[in-house]
Amino acid sequence: MGTKTISLADDAYERLRAEKRENESFSDVVRRLTEGTSLEKYHGALSEEVADELEDAITQRREERTNQHRKRVEEIADAFE
């Protein structure tokens, strides 16, 4: 296995070093911290039906929050009139 030399800003190095555990190399830290960051492994985890239901629920909740926000803004505006 080869090695690569990379440059890190001091603050980035300190963050990486803070994550380093005893007897762990920096390569091990990078592998551990970046493991599972890809969402590709979750592609297809939900059935299309469940995904559609979830999307509908999210859309409905967003609409409710928007309506609640609009109502609060109107109440505040009315209070200043």
Protein backbone atom coordinates (compact mmCIF):
# COMPACT_ATOMS: atom_id res chain seq x y z
CA MET A 1 0.00 0.00 0.00
CA GLY A 2 1.33 3.41 -0.97
CA THR A 3 1.26 6.63 0.98
CA LYS A 4 0.36 10.20 0.09
CA THR A 5 1.50 13.42 1.68
CA ILE A 6 -1.26 16.00 2.17
CA SER A 7 -1.30 19.52 3.54
CA LEU A 8 -3.77 20.51 6.22
CA ALA A 9 -4.46 23.88 7.75
CA ASP A 10 -3.44 24.00 11.41
CA ASP A 11 -7.04 24.03 12.60
CA ALA A 12 -7.93 21.03 10.41
CA TYR A 13 -4.93 19.13 11.74
CA GLU A 14 -5.96 19.90 15.33
CA ARG A 15 -9.50 18.66 14.66
CA LEU A 16 -8.15 15.46 13.16
CA ARG A 17 -5.72 14.98 16.01
CA ALA A 18 -8.54 15.52 18.54
CA GLU A 19 -10.43 12.62 16.93
CA LYS A 20 -7.42 10.32 17.11
CA ARG A 21 -7.72 7.48 19.59
CA GLU A 22 -4.93 5.71 21.42
CA ASN A 23 -2.98 3.36 19.11
CA GLU A 24 -4.81 4.74 16.06
CA SER A 25 -2.95 6.09 13.04
CA PHE A 26 -4.14 9.18 11.19
CA SER A 27 -5.09 6.88 8.30
CA ASP A 28 -7.25 4.89 10.72
CA VAL A 29 -8.90 8.12 11.92
CA VAL A 30 -9.71 9.22 8.37
CA ARG A 31 -11.12 5.78 7.53
CA ARG A 32 -13.24 5.72 10.69
CA LEU A 33 -14.58 9.24 10.25
CA THR A 34 -15.40 8.81 6.57
CA GLU A 35 -16.90 5.35 6.86
CA GLY A 36 -20.54 5.29 5.91
CA THR A 37 -20.71 8.85 4.62
CA SER A 38 -22.00 7.73 1.25
CA LEU A 39 -25.76 7.64 0.95
CA GLU A 40 -25.48 5.27 -2.00
CA LYS A 41 -25.61 2.27 0.30
CA TYR A 42 -29.13 3.31 1.33
CA HIS A 43 -30.42 3.62 -2.24
CA GLY A 44 -33.41 1.34 -2.61
CA ALA A 45 -33.70 0.64 1.12
CA LEU A 46 -37.32 1.83 1.14
CA SER A 47 -40.01 0.45 -1.09
CA GLU A 48 -41.40 2.93 -3.58
CA GLU A 49 -44.69 2.94 -1.69
CA VAL A 50 -43.03 3.77 1.65
CA ALA A 51 -40.82 6.39 0.00
CA ASP A 52 -43.90 8.05 -1.52
CA GLU A 53 -45.70 8.03 1.84
CA LEU A 54 -42.67 9.56 3.52
CA GLU A 55 -42.36 12.24 0.87
CA ASP A 56 -46.07 13.07 1.23
CA ALA A 57 -45.73 13.34 5.01
CA ILE A 58 -42.72 15.64 4.66
CA THR A 59 -44.54 17.82 2.13
CA GLN A 60 -47.61 18.03 4.38
CA ARG A 61 -45.52 18.99 7.42
CA ARG A 62 -43.67 21.67 5.45
CA GLU A 63 -46.99 23.14 4.30
CA GLU A 64 -48.27 23.15 7.89
CA ARG A 65 -45.13 24.93 9.11
CA THR A 66 -45.38 27.47 6.30
CA ASN A 67 -49.01 28.16 7.17
CA GLN A 68 -48.17 28.49 10.88
CA HIS A 69 -45.34 30.87 10.05
CA ARG A 70 -47.53 32.94 7.75
CA LYS A 71 -50.20 33.18 10.47
CA ARG A 72 -47.63 34.35 13.07
CA VAL A 73 -46.29 36.98 10.68
CA GLU A 74 -49.82 38.25 10.03
CA GLU A 75 -50.54 38.39 13.78
CA ILE A 76 -47.37 40.38 14.39
CA ALA A 77 -48.14 42.72 11.48
CA ASP A 78 -51.67 43.25 12.82
CA ALA A 79 -50.26 44.08 16.25
CA PHE A 80 -48.21 46.91 14.73
CA GLU A 81 -51.17 48.45 12.89
